[in-house]
Amino acid sequence: SRMPLTRLPAQKVREHRDLAAVRDGGRV
């Protein structure tokens, strides 16, 4: 989200960055 993606349609960028996860869990 801190990496700007100019020149692509803003709505498409939001959709691209707002991925839905199928699996739960995980740890960072």
mmCIF file of all heavy atoms, coordinates in Angstrom:
data_MODEL
# 
_entry.id   MODEL 
# 
loop_
_atom_site.group_PDB 
_atom_site.id 
_atom_site.type_symbol 
_atom_site.label_atom_id 
_atom_site.label_alt_id 
_atom_site.label_comp_id 
_atom_site.label_asym_id 
_atom_site.label_entity_id 
_atom_site.label_seq_id 
_atom_site.pdbx_PDB_ins_code 
_atom_site.Cartn_x 
_atom_site.Cartn_y 
_atom_site.Cartn_z 
_atom_site.occupancy 
_atom_site.B_iso_or_equiv 
_atom_site.pdbx_formal_charge 
_atom_site.auth_seq_id 
_atom_site.auth_comp_id 
_atom_site.auth_asym_id 
_atom_site.auth_atom_id 
_atom_site.pdbx_PDB_model_num 
ATOM 1   N N   . SER A 1 1  ? 0.820   -1.216  0.000   1.00 0.00 ? 1  SER A N   1 
ATOM 2   C CA  . SER A 1 1  ? 0.000   0.000   0.000   1.00 0.00 ? 1  SER A CA  1 
ATOM 3   C C   . SER A 1 1  ? 0.848   1.257   0.000   1.00 0.00 ? 1  SER A C   1 
ATOM 4   O O   . SER A 1 1  ? 0.366   2.343   -0.347  1.00 0.00 ? 1  SER A O   1 
ATOM 5   C CB  . SER A 1 1  ? -0.938  -0.002  1.213   1.00 0.00 ? 1  SER A CB  1 
ATOM 6   O OG  . SER A 1 1  ? -0.190  0.085   2.418   1.00 0.00 ? 1  SER A OG  1 
ATOM 7   N N   . ARG A 1 2  ? 2.123   1.145   0.393   1.00 0.00 ? 2  ARG A N   1 
ATOM 8   C CA  . ARG A 1 2  ? 3.015   2.300   0.404   1.00 0.00 ? 2  ARG A CA  1 
ATOM 9   C C   . ARG A 1 2  ? 3.711   2.508   -0.944  1.00 0.00 ? 2  ARG A C   1 
ATOM 10  O O   . ARG A 1 2  ? 4.482   3.442   -1.099  1.00 0.00 ? 2  ARG A O   1 
ATOM 11  C CB  . ARG A 1 2  ? 4.072   2.126   1.488   1.00 0.00 ? 2  ARG A CB  1 
ATOM 12  C CG  . ARG A 1 2  ? 3.481   1.908   2.877   1.00 0.00 ? 2  ARG A CG  1 
ATOM 13  C CD  . ARG A 1 2  ? 4.565   1.792   3.926   1.00 0.00 ? 2  ARG A CD  1 
ATOM 14  N NE  . ARG A 1 2  ? 4.020   1.531   5.252   1.00 0.00 ? 2  ARG A NE  1 
ATOM 15  C CZ  . ARG A 1 2  ? 4.733   1.508   6.364   1.00 0.00 ? 2  ARG A CZ  1 
ATOM 16  N NH1 . ARG A 1 2  ? 6.040   1.738   6.306   1.00 0.00 ? 2  ARG A NH1 1 
ATOM 17  N NH2 . ARG A 1 2  ? 4.169   1.248   7.522   1.00 0.00 ? 2  ARG A NH2 1 
ATOM 18  N N   . MET A 1 3  ? 3.456   1.614   -1.897  1.00 0.00 ? 3  MET A N   1 
ATOM 19  C CA  . MET A 1 3  ? 4.101   1.693   -3.214  1.00 0.00 ? 3  MET A CA  1 
ATOM 20  C C   . MET A 1 3  ? 3.103   2.293   -4.203  1.00 0.00 ? 3  MET A C   1 
ATOM 21  O O   . MET A 1 3  ? 2.085   1.666   -4.518  1.00 0.00 ? 3  MET A O   1 
ATOM 22  C CB  . MET A 1 3  ? 4.548   0.294   -3.664  1.00 0.00 ? 3  MET A CB  1 
ATOM 23  C CG  . MET A 1 3  ? 5.510   -0.364  -2.694  1.00 0.00 ? 3  MET A CG  1 
ATOM 24  S SD  . MET A 1 3  ? 5.636   -2.171  -2.915  1.00 0.00 ? 3  MET A SD  1 
ATOM 25  C CE  . MET A 1 3  ? 6.117   -2.279  -4.633  1.00 0.00 ? 3  MET A CE  1 
ATOM 26  N N   . PRO A 1 4  ? 3.345   3.500   -4.699  1.00 0.00 ? 4  PRO A N   1 
ATOM 27  C CA  . PRO A 1 4  ? 2.368   4.134   -5.592  1.00 0.00 ? 4  PRO A CA  1 
ATOM 28  C C   . PRO A 1 4  ? 2.287   3.416   -6.937  1.00 0.00 ? 4  PRO A C   1 
ATOM 29  O O   . PRO A 1 4  ? 3.295   2.977   -7.493  1.00 0.00 ? 4  PRO A O   1 
ATOM 30  C CB  . PRO A 1 4  ? 2.923   5.556   -5.759  1.00 0.00 ? 4  PRO A CB  1 
ATOM 31  C CG  . PRO A 1 4  ? 4.397   5.419   -5.508  1.00 0.00 ? 4  PRO A CG  1 
ATOM 32  C CD  . PRO A 1 4  ? 4.534   4.340   -4.476  1.00 0.00 ? 4  PRO A CD  1 
ATOM 33  N N   . LEU A 1 5  ? 1.062   3.274   -7.438  1.00 0.00 ? 5  LEU A N   1 
ATOM 34  C CA  . LEU A 1 5  ? 0.836   2.704   -8.764  1.00 0.00 ? 5  LEU A CA  1 
ATOM 35  C C   . LEU A 1 5  ? 0.084   3.733   -9.593  1.00 0.00 ? 5  LEU A C   1 
ATOM 36  O O   . LEU A 1 5  ? -1.138  3.666   -9.760  1.00 0.00 ? 5  LEU A O   1 
ATOM 37  C CB  . LEU A 1 5  ? 0.032   1.394   -8.673  1.00 0.00 ? 5  LEU A CB  1 
ATOM 38  C CG  . LEU A 1 5  ? 0.734   0.194   -8.056  1.00 0.00 ? 5  LEU A CG  1 
ATOM 39  C CD1 . LEU A 1 5  ? -0.160  -1.038  -8.112  1.00 0.00 ? 5  LEU A CD1 1 
ATOM 40  C CD2 . LEU A 1 5  ? 2.046   -0.095  -8.773  1.00 0.00 ? 5  LEU A CD2 1 
ATOM 41  N N   . THR A 1 6  ? 0.813   4.726   -10.065 1.00 0.00 ? 6  THR A N   1 
ATOM 42  C CA  . THR A 1 6  ? 0.197   5.759   -10.893 1.00 0.00 ? 6  THR A CA  1 
ATOM 43  C C   . THR A 1 6  ? -0.050  5.217   -12.289 1.00 0.00 ? 6  THR A C   1 
ATOM 44  O O   . THR A 1 6  ? 0.509   4.197   -12.703 1.00 0.00 ? 6  THR A O   1 
ATOM 45  C CB  . THR A 1 6  ? 1.114   6.985   -10.967 1.00 0.00 ? 6  THR A CB  1 
ATOM 46  O OG1 . THR A 1 6  ? 2.396   6.573   -11.487 1.00 0.00 ? 6  THR A OG1 1 
ATOM 47  C CG2 . THR A 1 6  ? 1.330   7.579   -9.586  1.00 0.00 ? 6  THR A CG2 1 
ATOM 48  N N   . ARG A 1 7  ? -0.942  5.893   -13.003 1.00 0.00 ? 7  ARG A N   1 
ATOM 49  C CA  . ARG A 1 7  ? -1.256  5.641   -14.416 1.00 0.00 ? 7  ARG A CA  1 
ATOM 50  C C   . ARG A 1 7  ? -2.163  4.439   -14.638 1.00 0.00 ? 7  ARG A C   1 
ATOM 51  O O   . ARG A 1 7  ? -2.688  4.278   -15.726 1.00 0.00 ? 7  ARG A O   1 
ATOM 52  C CB  . ARG A 1 7  ? 0.023   5.525   -15.266 1.00 0.00 ? 7  ARG A CB  1 
ATOM 53  C CG  . ARG A 1 7  ? 0.910   6.758   -15.159 1.00 0.00 ? 7  ARG A CG  1 
ATOM 54  C CD  . ARG A 1 7  ? 1.984   6.790   -16.215 1.00 0.00 ? 7  ARG A CD  1 
ATOM 55  N NE  . ARG A 1 7  ? 2.948   5.725   -16.117 1.00 0.00 ? 7  ARG A NE  1 
ATOM 56  C CZ  . ARG A 1 7  ? 3.947   5.716   -15.247 1.00 0.00 ? 7  ARG A CZ  1 
ATOM 57  N NH1 . ARG A 1 7  ? 4.086   6.698   -14.377 1.00 0.00 ? 7  ARG A NH1 1 
ATOM 58  N NH2 . ARG A 1 7  ? 4.818   4.724   -15.219 1.00 0.00 ? 7  ARG A NH2 1 
ATOM 59  N N   . LEU A 1 8  ? -2.367  3.589   -13.633 1.00 0.00 ? 8  LEU A N   1 
ATOM 60  C CA  . LEU A 1 8  ? -3.376  2.542   -13.732 1.00 0.00 ? 8  LEU A CA  1 
ATOM 61  C C   . LEU A 1 8  ? -4.677  3.068   -13.130 1.00 0.00 ? 8  LEU A C   1 
ATOM 62  O O   . LEU A 1 8  ? -4.660  3.911   -12.229 1.00 0.00 ? 8  LEU A O   1 
ATOM 63  C CB  . LEU A 1 8  ? -2.928  1.284   -12.996 1.00 0.00 ? 8  LEU A CB  1 
ATOM 64  C CG  . LEU A 1 8  ? -1.804  0.474   -13.647 1.00 0.00 ? 8  LEU A CG  1 
ATOM 65  C CD1 . LEU A 1 8  ? -1.402  -0.698  -12.748 1.00 0.00 ? 8  LEU A CD1 1 
ATOM 66  C CD2 . LEU A 1 8  ? -2.206  -0.034  -15.022 1.00 0.00 ? 8  LEU A CD2 1 
ATOM 67  N N   . PRO A 1 9  ? -5.824  2.573   -13.605 1.00 0.00 ? 9  PRO A N   1 
ATOM 68  C CA  . PRO A 1 9  ? -7.099  3.045   -13.037 1.00 0.00 ? 9  PRO A CA  1 
ATOM 69  C C   . PRO A 1 9  ? -7.143  2.854   -11.525 1.00 0.00 ? 9  PRO A C   1 
ATOM 70  O O   . PRO A 1 9  ? -6.849  1.764   -11.016 1.00 0.00 ? 9  PRO A O   1 
ATOM 71  C CB  . PRO A 1 9  ? -8.136  2.174   -13.748 1.00 0.00 ? 9  PRO A CB  1 
ATOM 72  C CG  . PRO A 1 9  ? -7.475  1.755   -15.028 1.00 0.00 ? 9  PRO A CG  1 
ATOM 73  C CD  . PRO A 1 9  ? -6.021  1.616   -14.705 1.00 0.00 ? 9  PRO A CD  1 
ATOM 74  N N   . ALA A 1 10 ? -7.502  3.914   -10.786 1.00 0.00 ? 10 ALA A N   1 
ATOM 75  C CA  . ALA A 1 10 ? -7.453  3.875   -9.326  1.00 0.00 ? 10 ALA A CA  1 
ATOM 76  C C   . ALA A 1 10 ? -8.325  2.771   -8.749  1.00 0.00 ? 10 ALA A C   1 
ATOM 77  O O   . ALA A 1 10 ? -7.944  2.092   -7.785  1.00 0.00 ? 10 ALA A O   1 
ATOM 78  C CB  . ALA A 1 10 ? -7.881  5.242   -8.770  1.00 0.00 ? 10 ALA A CB  1 
ATOM 79  N N   . GLN A 1 11 ? -9.509  2.559   -9.329  1.00 0.00 ? 11 GLN A N   1 
ATOM 80  C CA  . GLN A 1 11 ? -10.398 1.523   -8.816  1.00 0.00 ? 11 GLN A CA  1 
ATOM 81  C C   . GLN A 1 11 ? -9.773  0.147   -8.980  1.00 0.00 ? 11 GLN A C   1 
ATOM 82  O O   . GLN A 1 11 ? -9.872  -0.720  -8.094  1.00 0.00 ? 11 GLN A O   1 
ATOM 83  C CB  . GLN A 1 11 ? -11.752 1.588   -9.536  1.00 0.00 ? 11 GLN A CB  1 
ATOM 84  C CG  . GLN A 1 11 ? -12.749 0.506   -9.109  1.00 0.00 ? 11 GLN A CG  1 
ATOM 85  C CD  . GLN A 1 11 ? -13.097 0.585   -7.640  1.00 0.00 ? 11 GLN A CD  1 
ATOM 86  O OE1 . GLN A 1 11 ? -13.093 1.674   -7.057  1.00 0.00 ? 11 GLN A OE1 1 
ATOM 87  N NE2 . GLN A 1 11 ? -13.375 -0.556  -7.030  1.00 0.00 ? 11 GLN A NE2 1 
ATOM 88  N N   . LYS A 1 12 ? -9.112  -0.092  -10.108 1.00 0.00 ? 12 LYS A N   1 
ATOM 89  C CA  . LYS A 1 12 ? -8.466  -1.388  -10.346 1.00 0.00 ? 12 LYS A CA  1 
ATOM 90  C C   . LYS A 1 12 ? -7.303  -1.598  -9.378  1.00 0.00 ? 12 LYS A C   1 
ATOM 91  O O   . LYS A 1 12 ? -7.064  -2.718  -8.915  1.00 0.00 ? 12 LYS A O   1 
ATOM 92  C CB  . LYS A 1 12 ? -7.970  -1.475  -11.785 1.00 0.00 ? 12 LYS A CB  1 
ATOM 93  C CG  . LYS A 1 12 ? -9.081  -1.390  -12.822 1.00 0.00 ? 12 LYS A CG  1 
ATOM 94  C CD  . LYS A 1 12 ? -10.079 -2.527  -12.684 1.00 0.00 ? 12 LYS A CD  1 
ATOM 95  C CE  . LYS A 1 12 ? -11.158 -2.452  -13.757 1.00 0.00 ? 12 LYS A CE  1 
ATOM 96  N NZ  . LYS A 1 12 ? -12.142 -3.548  -13.626 1.00 0.00 ? 12 LYS A NZ  1 
ATOM 97  N N   . VAL A 1 13 ? -6.580  -0.526  -9.061  1.00 0.00 ? 13 VAL A N   1 
ATOM 98  C CA  . VAL A 1 13 ? -5.482  -0.644  -8.103  1.00 0.00 ? 13 VAL A CA  1 
ATOM 99  C C   . VAL A 1 13 ? -6.022  -1.009  -6.730  1.00 0.00 ? 13 VAL A C   1 
ATOM 100 O O   . VAL A 1 13 ? -5.459  -1.874  -6.031  1.00 0.00 ? 13 VAL A O   1 
ATOM 101 C CB  . VAL A 1 13 ? -4.675  0.672   -8.042  1.00 0.00 ? 13 VAL A CB  1 
ATOM 102 C CG1 . VAL A 1 13 ? -3.662  0.624   -6.904  1.00 0.00 ? 13 VAL A CG1 1 
ATOM 103 C CG2 . VAL A 1 13 ? -3.973  0.925   -9.370  1.00 0.00 ? 13 VAL A CG2 1 
ATOM 104 N N   . ARG A 1 14 ? -7.126  -0.380  -6.328  1.00 0.00 ? 14 ARG A N   1 
ATOM 105 C CA  . ARG A 1 14 ? -7.719  -0.722  -5.023  1.00 0.00 ? 14 ARG A CA  1 
ATOM 106 C C   . ARG A 1 14 ? -8.163  -2.173  -4.988  1.00 0.00 ? 14 ARG A C   1 
ATOM 107 O O   . ARG A 1 14 ? -7.961  -2.875  -3.990  1.00 0.00 ? 14 ARG A O   1 
ATOM 108 C CB  . ARG A 1 14 ? -8.897  0.216   -4.733  1.00 0.00 ? 14 ARG A CB  1 
ATOM 109 C CG  . ARG A 1 14 ? -8.475  1.618   -4.313  1.00 0.00 ? 14 ARG A CG  1 
ATOM 110 C CD  . ARG A 1 14 ? -9.644  2.384   -3.747  1.00 0.00 ? 14 ARG A CD  1 
ATOM 111 N NE  . ARG A 1 14 ? -10.629 2.677   -4.791  1.00 0.00 ? 14 ARG A NE  1 
ATOM 112 C CZ  . ARG A 1 14 ? -10.616 3.793   -5.532  1.00 0.00 ? 14 ARG A CZ  1 
ATOM 113 N NH1 . ARG A 1 14 ? -9.668  4.703   -5.348  1.00 0.00 ? 14 ARG A NH1 1 
ATOM 114 N NH2 . ARG A 1 14 ? -11.543 3.998   -6.442  1.00 0.00 ? 14 ARG A NH2 1 
ATOM 115 N N   . GLU A 1 15 ? -8.767  -2.649  -6.062  1.00 0.00 ? 15 GLU A N   1 
ATOM 116 C CA  . GLU A 1 15 ? -9.196  -4.048  -6.111  1.00 0.00 ? 15 GLU A CA  1 
ATOM 117 C C   . GLU A 1 15 ? -7.987  -4.986  -6.066  1.00 0.00 ? 15 GLU A C   1 
ATOM 118 O O   . GLU A 1 15 ? -8.020  -6.037  -5.415  1.00 0.00 ? 15 GLU A O   1 
ATOM 119 C CB  . GLU A 1 15 ? -10.008 -4.297  -7.379  1.00 0.00 ? 15 GLU A CB  1 
ATOM 120 C CG  . GLU A 1 15 ? -11.339 -3.559  -7.418  1.00 0.00 ? 15 GLU A CG  1 
ATOM 121 C CD  . GLU A 1 15 ? -12.042 -3.740  -8.738  1.00 0.00 ? 15 GLU A CD  1 
ATOM 122 O OE1 . GLU A 1 15 ? -11.534 -4.505  -9.592  1.00 0.00 ? 15 GLU A OE1 1 
ATOM 123 O OE2 . GLU A 1 15 ? -13.104 -3.105  -8.947  1.00 0.00 ? 15 GLU A OE2 1 
ATOM 124 N N   . HIS A 1 16 ? -6.930  -4.596  -6.763  1.00 0.00 ? 16 HIS A N   1 
ATOM 125 C CA  . HIS A 1 16 ? -5.726  -5.422  -6.803  1.00 0.00 ? 16 HIS A CA  1 
ATOM 126 C C   . HIS A 1 16 ? -5.082  -5.524  -5.418  1.00 0.00 ? 16 HIS A C   1 
ATOM 127 O O   . HIS A 1 16 ? -4.558  -6.573  -5.040  1.00 0.00 ? 16 HIS A O   1 
ATOM 128 C CB  . HIS A 1 16 ? -4.736  -4.810  -7.800  1.00 0.00 ? 16 HIS A CB  1 
ATOM 129 C CG  . HIS A 1 16 ? -3.384  -5.433  -7.811  1.00 0.00 ? 16 HIS A CG  1 
ATOM 130 N ND1 . HIS A 1 16 ? -3.178  -6.754  -8.112  1.00 0.00 ? 16 HIS A ND1 1 
ATOM 131 C CD2 . HIS A 1 16 ? -2.154  -4.920  -7.543  1.00 0.00 ? 16 HIS A CD2 1 
ATOM 132 C CE1 . HIS A 1 16 ? -1.891  -7.028  -8.042  1.00 0.00 ? 16 HIS A CE1 1 
ATOM 133 N NE2 . HIS A 1 16 ? -1.255  -5.932  -7.690  1.00 0.00 ? 16 HIS A NE2 1 
ATOM 134 N N   . ARG A 1 17 ? -5.132  -4.435  -4.669  1.00 0.00 ? 17 ARG A N   1 
ATOM 135 C CA  . ARG A 1 17 ? -4.504  -4.419  -3.347  1.00 0.00 ? 17 ARG A CA  1 
ATOM 136 C C   . ARG A 1 17 ? -5.429  -4.992  -2.263  1.00 0.00 ? 17 ARG A C   1 
ATOM 137 O O   . ARG A 1 17 ? -4.969  -5.299  -1.165  1.00 0.00 ? 17 ARG A O   1 
ATOM 138 C CB  . ARG A 1 17 ? -4.133  -2.979  -2.996  1.00 0.00 ? 17 ARG A CB  1 
ATOM 139 C CG  . ARG A 1 17 ? -3.037  -2.382  -3.929  1.00 0.00 ? 17 ARG A CG  1 
ATOM 140 C CD  . ARG A 1 17 ? -1.699  -2.570  -3.354  1.00 0.00 ? 17 ARG A CD  1 
ATOM 141 N NE  . ARG A 1 17 ? -0.597  -2.196  -4.187  1.00 0.00 ? 17 ARG A NE  1 
ATOM 142 C CZ  . ARG A 1 17 ? -0.106  -0.947  -4.341  1.00 0.00 ? 17 ARG A CZ  1 
ATOM 143 N NH1 . ARG A 1 17 ? -0.696  0.063   -3.752  1.00 0.00 ? 17 ARG A NH1 1 
ATOM 144 N NH2 . ARG A 1 17 ? 0.978   -0.736  -5.058  1.00 0.00 ? 17 ARG A NH2 1 
ATOM 145 N N   . ASP A 1 18 ? -6.714  -5.139  -2.554  1.00 0.00 ? 18 ASP A N   1 
ATOM 146 C CA  . ASP A 1 18 ? -7.684  -5.610  -1.561  1.00 0.00 ? 18 ASP A CA  1 
ATOM 147 C C   . ASP A 1 18 ? -8.019  -7.084  -1.824  1.00 0.00 ? 18 ASP A C   1 
ATOM 148 O O   . ASP A 1 18 ? -9.179  -7.442  -2.067  1.00 0.00 ? 18 ASP A O   1 
ATOM 149 C CB  . ASP A 1 18 ? -8.949  -4.744  -1.603  1.00 0.00 ? 18 ASP A CB  1 
ATOM 150 C CG  . ASP A 1 18 ? -9.887  -5.037  -0.445  1.00 0.00 ? 18 ASP A CG  1 
ATOM 151 O OD1 . ASP A 1 18 ? -9.404  -5.554  0.592   1.00 0.00 ? 18 ASP A OD1 1 
ATOM 152 O OD2 . ASP A 1 18 ? -11.094 -4.774  -0.579  1.00 0.00 ? 18 ASP A OD2 1 
ATOM 153 N N   . LEU A 1 19 ? -7.009  -7.930  -1.764  1.00 0.00 ? 19 LEU A N   1 
ATOM 154 C CA  . LEU A 1 19 ? -7.220  -9.348  -2.045  1.00 0.00 ? 19 LEU A CA  1 
ATOM 155 C C   . LEU A 1 19 ? -7.968  -10.036 -0.908  1.00 0.00 ? 19 LEU A C   1 
ATOM 156 O O   . LEU A 1 19 ? -7.796  -9.703  0.267   1.00 0.00 ? 19 LEU A O   1 
ATOM 157 C CB  . LEU A 1 19 ? -5.868  -10.050 -2.247  1.00 0.00 ? 19 LEU A CB  1 
ATOM 158 C CG  . LEU A 1 19 ? -5.052  -9.628  -3.464  1.00 0.00 ? 19 LEU A CG  1 
ATOM 159 C CD1 . LEU A 1 19 ? -3.754  -10.426 -3.518  1.00 0.00 ? 19 LEU A CD1 1 
ATOM 160 C CD2 . LEU A 1 19 ? -5.841  -9.826  -4.737  1.00 0.00 ? 19 LEU A CD2 1 
ATOM 161 N N   . ALA A 1 20 ? -8.805  -10.997 -1.282  1.00 0.00 ? 20 ALA A N   1 
ATOM 162 C CA  . ALA A 1 20 ? -9.527  -11.800 -0.295  1.00 0.00 ? 20 ALA A CA  1 
ATOM 163 C C   . ALA A 1 20 ? -8.800  -13.134 -0.119  1.00 0.00 ? 20 ALA A C   1 
ATOM 164 O O   . ALA A 1 20 ? -8.458  -13.797 -1.097  1.00 0.00 ? 20 ALA A O   1 
ATOM 165 C CB  . ALA A 1 20 ? -10.962 -12.046 -0.760  1.00 0.00 ? 20 ALA A CB  1 
ATOM 166 N N   . ALA A 1 21 ? -8.547  -13.508 1.146   1.00 0.00 ? 21 ALA A N   1 
ATOM 167 C CA  . ALA A 1 21 ? -7.841  -14.757 1.435   1.00 0.00 ? 21 ALA A CA  1 
ATOM 168 C C   . ALA A 1 21 ? -8.837  -15.888 1.627   1.00 0.00 ? 21 ALA A C   1 
ATOM 169 O O   . ALA A 1 21 ? -9.856  -15.731 2.310   1.00 0.00 ? 21 ALA A O   1 
ATOM 170 C CB  . ALA A 1 21 ? -6.980  -14.600 2.684   1.00 0.00 ? 21 ALA A CB  1 
ATOM 171 N N   . VAL A 1 22 ? -8.537  -17.025 1.026   1.00 0.00 ? 22 VAL A N   1 
ATOM 172 C CA  . VAL A 1 22 ? -9.366  -18.216 1.197   1.00 0.00 ? 22 VAL A CA  1 
ATOM 173 C C   . VAL A 1 22 ? -9.001  -18.945 2.478   1.00 0.00 ? 22 VAL A C   1 
ATOM 174 O O   . VAL A 1 22 ? -9.854  -19.502 3.169   1.00 0.00 ? 22 VAL A O   1 
ATOM 175 C CB  . VAL A 1 22 ? -9.219  -19.148 -0.023  1.00 0.00 ? 22 VAL A CB  1 
ATOM 176 C CG1 . VAL A 1 22 ? -9.913  -20.482 0.212   1.00 0.00 ? 22 VAL A CG1 1 
ATOM 177 C CG2 . VAL A 1 22 ? -9.777  -18.473 -1.263  1.00 0.00 ? 22 VAL A CG2 1 
ATOM 178 N N   . ARG A 1 23 ? -7.721  -18.932 2.827   1.00 0.00 ? 23 ARG A N   1 
ATOM 179 C CA  . ARG A 1 23 ? -7.229  -19.653 3.993   1.00 0.00 ? 23 ARG A CA  1 
ATOM 180 C C   . ARG A 1 23 ? -7.096  -18.718 5.187   1.00 0.00 ? 23 ARG A C   1 
ATOM 181 O O   . ARG A 1 23 ? -6.730  -17.556 5.037   1.00 0.00 ? 23 ARG A O   1 
ATOM 182 C CB  . ARG A 1 23 ? -5.864  -20.280 3.687   1.00 0.00 ? 23 ARG A CB  1 
ATOM 183 C CG  . ARG A 1 23 ? -5.867  -21.280 2.558   1.00 0.00 ? 23 ARG A CG  1 
ATOM 184 C CD  . ARG A 1 23 ? -4.455  -21.649 2.156   1.00 0.00 ? 23 ARG A CD  1 
ATOM 185 N NE  . ARG A 1 23 ? -3.672  -22.066 3.311   1.00 0.00 ? 23 ARG A NE  1 
ATOM 186 C CZ  . ARG A 1 23 ? -2.345  -22.188 3.295   1.00 0.00 ? 23 ARG A CZ  1 
ATOM 187 N NH1 . ARG A 1 23 ? -1.670  -21.901 2.198   1.00 0.00 ? 23 ARG A NH1 1 
ATOM 188 N NH2 . ARG A 1 23 ? -1.702  -22.578 4.370   1.00 0.00 ? 23 ARG A NH2 1 
ATOM 189 N N   . ASP A 1 24 ? -7.397  -19.248 6.362   1.00 0.00 ? 24 ASP A N   1 
ATOM 190 C CA  . ASP A 1 24 ? -7.183  -18.495 7.590   1.00 0.00 ? 24 ASP A CA  1 
ATOM 191 C C   . ASP A 1 24 ? -5.784  -18.795 8.144   1.00 0.00 ? 24 ASP A C   1 
ATOM 192 O O   . ASP A 1 24 ? -5.088  -19.681 7.671   1.00 0.00 ? 24 ASP A O   1 
ATOM 193 C CB  . ASP A 1 24 ? -8.237  -18.882 8.637   1.00 0.00 ? 24 ASP A CB  1 
ATOM 194 C CG  . ASP A 1 24 ? -9.619  -18.387 8.244   1.00 0.00 ? 24 ASP A CG  1 
ATOM 195 O OD1 . ASP A 1 24 ? -9.684  -17.329 7.607   1.00 0.00 ? 24 ASP A OD1 1 
ATOM 196 O OD2 . ASP A 1 24 ? -10.609 -19.080 8.552   1.00 0.00 ? 24 ASP A OD2 1 
ATOM 197 N N   . GLY A 1 25 ? -5.417  -18.055 9.187   1.00 0.00 ? 25 GLY A N   1 
ATOM 198 C CA  . GLY A 1 25 ? -4.167  -18.356 9.875   1.00 0.00 ? 25 GLY A CA  1 
ATOM 199 C C   . GLY A 1 25 ? -2.967  -17.706 9.242   1.00 0.00 ? 25 GLY A C   1 
ATOM 200 O O   . GLY A 1 25 ? -3.056  -16.761 8.457   1.00 0.00 ? 25 GLY A O   1 
ATOM 201 N N   . GLY A 1 26 ? -1.819  -18.265 9.593   1.00 0.00 ? 26 GLY A N   1 
ATOM 202 C CA  . GLY A 1 26 ? -0.559  -17.682 9.162   1.00 0.00 ? 26 GLY A CA  1 
ATOM 203 C C   . GLY A 1 26 ? -0.016  -16.749 10.227  1.00 0.00 ? 26 GLY A C   1 
ATOM 204 O O   . GLY A 1 26 ? -0.750  -16.236 11.072  1.00 0.00 ? 26 GLY A O   1 
ATOM 205 N N   . ARG A 1 27 ? 1.279   -16.533 10.204  1.00 0.00 ? 27 ARG A N   1 
ATOM 206 C CA  . ARG A 1 27 ? 1.911   -15.679 11.206  1.00 0.00 ? 27 ARG A CA  1 
ATOM 207 C C   . ARG A 1 27 ? 3.099   -14.970 10.577  1.00 0.00 ? 27 ARG A C   1 
ATOM 208 O O   . ARG A 1 27 ? 3.838   -15.573 9.795   1.00 0.00 ? 27 ARG A O   1 
ATOM 209 C CB  . ARG A 1 27 ? 2.376   -16.530 12.394  1.00 0.00 ? 27 ARG A CB  1 
ATOM 210 C CG  . ARG A 1 27 ? 2.871   -15.698 13.580  1.00 0.00 ? 27 ARG A CG  1 
ATOM 211 C CD  . ARG A 1 27 ? 3.118   -16.564 14.818  1.00 0.00 ? 27 ARG A CD  1 
ATOM 212 N NE  . ARG A 1 27 ? 4.332   -17.365 14.693  1.00 0.00 ? 27 ARG A NE  1 
ATOM 213 C CZ  . ARG A 1 27 ? 4.344   -18.702 14.632  1.00 0.00 ? 27 ARG A CZ  1 
ATOM 214 N NH1 . ARG A 1 27 ? 3.215   -19.374 14.662  1.00 0.00 ? 27 ARG A NH1 1 
ATOM 215 N NH2 . ARG A 1 27 ? 5.478   -19.359 14.542  1.00 0.00 ? 27 ARG A NH2 1 
ATOM 216 N N   . VAL A 1 28 ? 3.253   -13.716 10.887  1.00 0.00 ? 28 VAL A N   1 
ATOM 217 C CA  . VAL A 1 28 ? 4.371   -12.920 10.378  1.00 0.00 ? 28 VAL A CA  1 
ATOM 218 C C   . VAL A 1 28 ? 5.161   -12.405 11.570  1.00 0.00 ? 28 VAL A C   1 
ATOM 219 O O   . VAL A 1 28 ? 4.600   -11.770 12.469  1.00 0.00 ? 28 VAL A O   1 
ATOM 220 C CB  . VAL A 1 28 ? 3.879   -11.742 9.515   1.00 0.00 ? 28 VAL A CB  1 
ATOM 221 C CG1 . VAL A 1 28 ? 5.061   -10.898 9.064   1.00 0.00 ? 28 VAL A CG1 1 
ATOM 222 C CG2 . VAL A 1 28 ? 3.097   -12.242 8.315   1.00 0.00 ? 28 VAL A CG2 1 
# 
